[in-house]
């Protein structure tokens, strides 16, 4: 069973709040990625991709790695991943990225244009949480392209529009975990629970992988040190699992 709650050894929840993992092949450690996987899946759905889209993913952290895998399954043409951290880019290549650029976003624009015949990408994902990336991401899009905002900077007042929005007819799409409907209908099929199950199916079939994204397994007692590490050097880790048997 999986359900969204804070880090704690035990929880009491209502039955309707939990989702059964229907595949025995999926381990507990893999299933623990369900919430992040749903967030990435929801963003890819909201982008309404066409097969063969050239796509840029800015930010190769947990959500970026999952987004790359969904894009591969969607049939993206090019999947260009931008991140200054080399270890993250190596993981992205292993999970479906076609090109990686080890630079900050504002340094990578020209290379993106070269890779897309000077036109820019059909879709750009900003998964950095860095407000200044927003304006740069807009300049990487082709006419009528889409910018997908996956994650909140906490400083939306520092995200600035550029003239590209008007002159190129760009679409800006915000995505959030709360977007999916609670109940499936004919017009809105994909609830959070259905997206969880699709993720588990992909894991069971080998279409997605998360085991090799787990870099640390730690006791919850080590949480302060782990959060300090992640805050000061995000490239030092990818997936961190709290092992509650070590309490």
Protein backbone atom coordinates (compact mmCIF):
# COMPACT_ATOMS: atom_id res chain seq x y z
CA UNK A 1 0.00 0.00 0.00
CA UNK A 2 1.13 3.56 -0.67
CA UNK A 3 -0.22 6.87 0.62
CA UNK A 4 1.07 10.43 0.89
CA UNK A 5 2.18 11.40 4.37
CA UNK A 6 5.18 12.96 6.11
CA UNK A 7 8.21 10.88 7.15
CA UNK A 8 7.12 8.73 10.09
CA UNK A 9 7.44 5.09 11.11
CA UNK A 10 3.70 4.48 11.55
CA UNK A 11 0.54 6.08 10.18
CA UNK A 12 -3.17 5.47 10.59
CA UNK A 13 -5.11 6.38 7.44
CA UNK A 14 -8.54 5.81 5.96
CA UNK A 15 -8.70 2.97 3.44
CA UNK A 16 -9.68 5.30 0.58
CA UNK A 17 -6.48 7.30 1.10
CA UNK A 18 -4.24 4.34 0.29
CA UNK A 19 -3.49 2.69 -3.05
CA UNK A 20 -2.67 -0.99 -3.40
CA UNK A 21 0.50 -1.83 -5.32
CA UNK A 22 -0.83 -4.49 -7.69
CA UNK A 23 2.51 -5.85 -8.89
CA UNK A 24 4.57 -8.20 -6.72
CA UNK A 25 7.63 -7.38 -8.83
CA UNK A 26 7.68 -3.82 -7.45
CA UNK A 27 9.76 -3.52 -4.28
CA UNK A 28 8.95 -1.25 -1.34
CA UNK A 29 11.88 1.00 -2.26
CA UNK A 30 10.60 1.35 -5.82
CA UNK A 31 7.01 1.93 -4.71
CA UNK A 32 8.20 4.77 -2.46
CA UNK A 33 8.72 6.86 -5.61
CA UNK A 34 4.98 6.88 -6.37
CA UNK A 35 4.26 10.50 -5.39
CA UNK A 36 7.19 11.99 -7.30
CA UNK A 37 6.39 9.79 -10.29
CA UNK A 38 2.79 11.03 -10.29
CA UNK A 39 3.93 14.66 -10.22
CA UNK A 40 6.20 14.11 -13.23
CA UNK A 41 3.57 12.05 -15.06
CA UNK A 42 0.94 14.75 -14.53
CA UNK A 43 3.27 17.37 -16.02
CA UNK A 44 3.96 15.25 -19.10
CA UNK A 45 0.22 14.68 -19.56
CA UNK A 46 -0.51 18.41 -19.31
CA UNK A 47 2.08 19.12 -22.02
CA UNK A 48 -0.05 17.12 -24.52
CA UNK A 49 2.98 15.98 -26.49
CA UNK A 50 3.10 14.94 -30.12
CA UNK A 51 5.32 12.03 -31.13
CA UNK A 52 8.71 13.30 -32.26
CA UNK A 53 8.63 16.50 -30.17
CA UNK A 54 12.01 18.05 -29.43
CA UNK A 55 11.99 18.52 -25.67
CA UNK A 56 14.32 20.32 -23.26
CA UNK A 57 14.43 19.36 -19.59
CA UNK A 58 16.16 21.95 -17.39
CA UNK A 59 17.06 20.37 -14.07
CA UNK A 60 18.06 16.71 -13.70
CA UNK A 61 17.11 16.06 -10.11
CA UNK A 62 14.52 13.48 -9.04
CA UNK A 63 11.63 15.00 -11.00
CA UNK A 64 13.86 15.62 -14.00
CA UNK A 65 15.01 11.99 -14.10
CA UNK A 66 11.43 10.72 -13.94
CA UNK A 67 10.28 13.22 -16.57
CA UNK A 68 12.99 12.00 -18.96
CA UNK A 69 11.72 8.44 -18.64
CA UNK A 70 8.11 9.44 -19.30
CA UNK A 71 9.22 11.47 -22.33
CA UNK A 72 11.03 8.45 -23.74
CA UNK A 73 7.85 6.41 -23.33
CA UNK A 74 5.85 9.21 -25.02
CA UNK A 75 8.02 8.97 -28.13
CA UNK A 76 9.87 12.28 -27.90
CA UNK A 77 12.30 12.97 -30.75
CA UNK A 78 15.13 14.67 -28.89
CA UNK A 79 15.31 14.78 -25.09
CA UNK A 80 17.87 17.46 -24.23
CA UNK A 81 18.75 17.65 -20.54
CA UNK A 82 20.49 20.68 -19.02
CA UNK A 83 22.15 20.61 -15.60
CA UNK A 84 25.60 21.73 -14.39
CA UNK A 85 26.08 18.52 -12.34
CA UNK A 86 27.81 15.80 -14.39
CA UNK A 87 26.63 12.84 -12.23
CA UNK A 88 23.01 13.84 -12.82
CA UNK A 89 23.57 14.02 -16.56
CA UNK A 90 25.11 10.55 -16.62
CA UNK A 91 21.94 9.21 -14.98
CA UNK A 92 19.77 11.10 -17.47
CA UNK A 93 21.59 9.49 -20.40
CA UNK A 94 21.10 6.06 -18.86
CA UNK A 95 17.35 6.70 -18.62
CA UNK A 96 16.56 8.09 -22.04
CA UNK A 97 18.12 11.52 -22.62
CA UNK A 98 19.48 11.87 -26.16
CA UNK A 99 21.74 14.86 -25.43
CA UNK A 100 23.02 16.36 -22.18
CA UNK A 101 24.48 19.82 -21.64
CA UNK A 102 26.65 20.35 -18.56
CA UNK A 103 25.93 24.06 -18.18
CA UNK A 104 23.61 26.43 -16.39
CA UNK A 105 20.45 27.22 -18.32
CA UNK A 106 21.50 30.67 -19.55
CA UNK A 107 24.74 29.19 -20.90
CA UNK A 108 22.97 26.41 -22.82
CA UNK A 109 20.58 28.37 -25.05
CA UNK A 110 22.80 28.51 -28.15
CA UNK A 111 23.46 24.78 -28.01
CA UNK A 112 19.73 24.09 -27.77
CA UNK A 113 19.12 26.21 -30.87
CA UNK A 114 21.89 24.36 -32.75
CA UNK A 115 20.30 21.02 -31.86
CA UNK A 116 16.88 22.19 -33.09
CA UNK A 117 17.90 23.72 -36.43
CA UNK A 118 17.74 27.21 -34.96
CA UNK A 119 14.02 26.95 -34.21
CA UNK A 120 13.97 25.95 -30.55
CA UNK A 121 12.15 23.10 -28.82
CA UNK A 122 8.46 22.27 -29.00
CA UNK A 123 8.36 21.87 -25.22
CA UNK A 124 10.68 23.03 -22.42
CA UNK A 125 10.36 21.82 -18.82
CA UNK A 126 11.65 24.11 -16.07
CA UNK A 127 12.22 21.76 -13.14
CA UNK A 128 14.86 23.81 -11.33
CA UNK A 129 12.96 25.76 -8.71
CA UNK A 130 15.21 28.70 -9.64
CA UNK A 131 13.24 31.83 -10.55
CA UNK A 132 15.79 33.24 -13.01
CA UNK A 133 15.57 30.14 -15.24
CA UNK A 134 12.01 31.03 -16.29
CA UNK A 135 13.02 33.82 -18.69
CA UNK A 136 15.84 31.76 -20.19
CA UNK A 137 13.53 28.80 -20.75
CA UNK A 138 11.18 30.98 -22.81
CA UNK A 139 14.00 31.81 -25.24
CA UNK A 140 14.62 28.09 -25.92
CA UNK A 141 11.13 27.55 -27.37
CA UNK A 142 10.10 27.57 -31.01
CA UNK A 143 7.02 29.45 -32.23
CA UNK A 144 3.88 28.30 -30.42
CA UNK A 145 5.98 26.18 -28.06
CA UNK A 146 5.06 25.25 -24.49
CA UNK A 147 6.89 25.98 -21.25
CA UNK A 148 5.97 23.52 -18.50
CA UNK A 149 6.59 24.74 -14.96
CA UNK A 150 7.17 21.70 -12.78
CA UNK A 151 7.82 22.80 -9.22
CA UNK A 152 7.41 26.10 -7.39
CA UNK A 153 10.32 28.49 -6.95
CA UNK A 154 8.85 30.05 -3.82
CA UNK A 155 9.69 33.39 -5.47
CA UNK A 156 7.18 33.81 -8.33
CA UNK A 157 7.64 37.58 -8.24
CA UNK A 158 11.18 37.01 -9.51
CA UNK A 159 10.02 35.13 -12.63
CA UNK A 160 9.96 37.57 -15.55
CA UNK A 161 8.20 37.29 -18.90
CA UNK A 162 10.09 38.05 -22.10
CA UNK A 163 8.81 39.41 -25.39
CA UNK A 164 8.94 35.86 -26.78
CA UNK A 165 5.63 35.07 -25.08
CA UNK A 166 3.79 37.50 -27.36
CA UNK A 167 5.88 37.45 -30.54
CA UNK A 168 6.18 33.65 -30.65
CA UNK A 169 2.72 32.83 -29.28
CA UNK A 170 4.09 30.75 -26.42
CA UNK A 171 2.05 28.76 -23.92
CA UNK A 172 3.01 28.66 -20.23
CA UNK A 173 1.54 25.73 -18.30
CA UNK A 174 1.80 25.39 -14.55
CA UNK A 175 1.51 21.90 -13.07
CA UNK A 176 0.92 20.70 -9.52
CA UNK A 177 0.23 17.45 -7.68
CA UNK A 178 -3.26 18.71 -6.85
CA UNK A 179 -4.25 19.05 -10.55
CA UNK A 180 -5.58 15.50 -11.16
CA UNK A 181 -9.24 14.87 -10.30
CA UNK A 182 -10.16 12.90 -7.19
CA UNK A 183 -12.76 10.89 -9.10
CA UNK A 184 -12.37 9.56 -12.64
CA UNK A 185 -14.92 10.82 -15.20
CA UNK A 186 -15.36 10.40 -18.96
CA UNK A 187 -13.55 13.68 -19.54
CA UNK A 188 -10.93 13.44 -16.78
CA UNK A 189 -9.82 9.84 -16.47
CA UNK A 190 -6.44 10.08 -14.81
CA UNK A 191 -6.75 10.42 -11.05
CA UNK A 192 -3.70 10.32 -8.80
CA UNK A 193 -4.42 6.68 -7.97
CA UNK A 194 -4.62 5.67 -11.65
CA UNK A 195 -1.32 7.41 -12.30
CA UNK A 196 0.27 5.57 -9.38
CA UNK A 197 -0.87 2.26 -10.86
CA UNK A 198 0.46 3.13 -14.32
CA UNK A 199 3.83 3.94 -12.76
CA UNK A 200 3.86 0.58 -10.97
CA UNK A 201 2.99 -1.15 -14.25
CA UNK A 202 5.88 0.57 -15.99
CA UNK A 203 8.22 -0.54 -13.19
CA UNK A 204 6.98 -4.13 -13.33
CA UNK A 205 7.46 -4.27 -17.12
CA UNK A 206 10.90 -2.66 -16.96
CA UNK A 207 9.73 0.39 -18.91
CA UNK A 208 10.91 2.65 -16.07
CA UNK A 209 13.71 2.26 -13.52
CA UNK A 210 14.24 3.94 -10.17
CA UNK A 211 16.46 1.47 -8.27
CA UNK A 212 19.58 2.90 -9.88
CA UNK A 213 18.50 6.41 -8.90
CA UNK A 214 18.76 5.54 -5.20
CA UNK A 215 22.15 6.77 -4.01
CA UNK A 216 21.68 6.73 -0.22
CA UNK A 217 19.91 4.50 2.29
CA UNK A 218 20.01 6.04 5.75
CA UNK A 219 18.50 5.85 9.21
CA UNK A 220 15.87 8.50 9.99
CA UNK A 221 18.18 9.52 12.84
CA UNK A 222 20.53 10.86 10.15
CA UNK A 223 17.87 13.12 8.62
CA UNK A 224 19.43 16.44 9.79
CA UNK A 225 22.78 15.58 8.20
CA UNK A 226 21.11 14.36 5.02
CA UNK A 227 19.04 17.51 4.61
CA UNK A 228 22.14 19.62 5.26
CA UNK A 229 23.96 17.73 2.51
CA UNK A 230 21.10 18.17 0.05
CA UNK A 231 20.79 21.86 0.82
CA UNK A 232 24.47 22.63 0.33
CA UNK A 233 25.41 20.18 -2.45
CA UNK A 234 22.43 18.81 -4.36
CA UNK A 235 24.73 16.97 -6.76
CA UNK A 236 26.00 14.76 -3.91
CA UNK A 237 22.89 12.57 -3.94
CA UNK A 238 19.86 11.61 -5.99
CA UNK A 239 17.31 9.33 -4.32
CA UNK A 240 17.58 9.10 -0.53
CA UNK A 241 15.65 6.34 1.24
CA UNK A 242 14.92 6.45 4.97
CA UNK A 243 15.16 2.89 6.34
CA UNK A 244 12.70 2.74 9.25
CA UNK A 245 14.08 -0.62 10.40
CA UNK A 246 17.13 1.34 11.55
CA UNK A 247 15.28 3.45 14.11
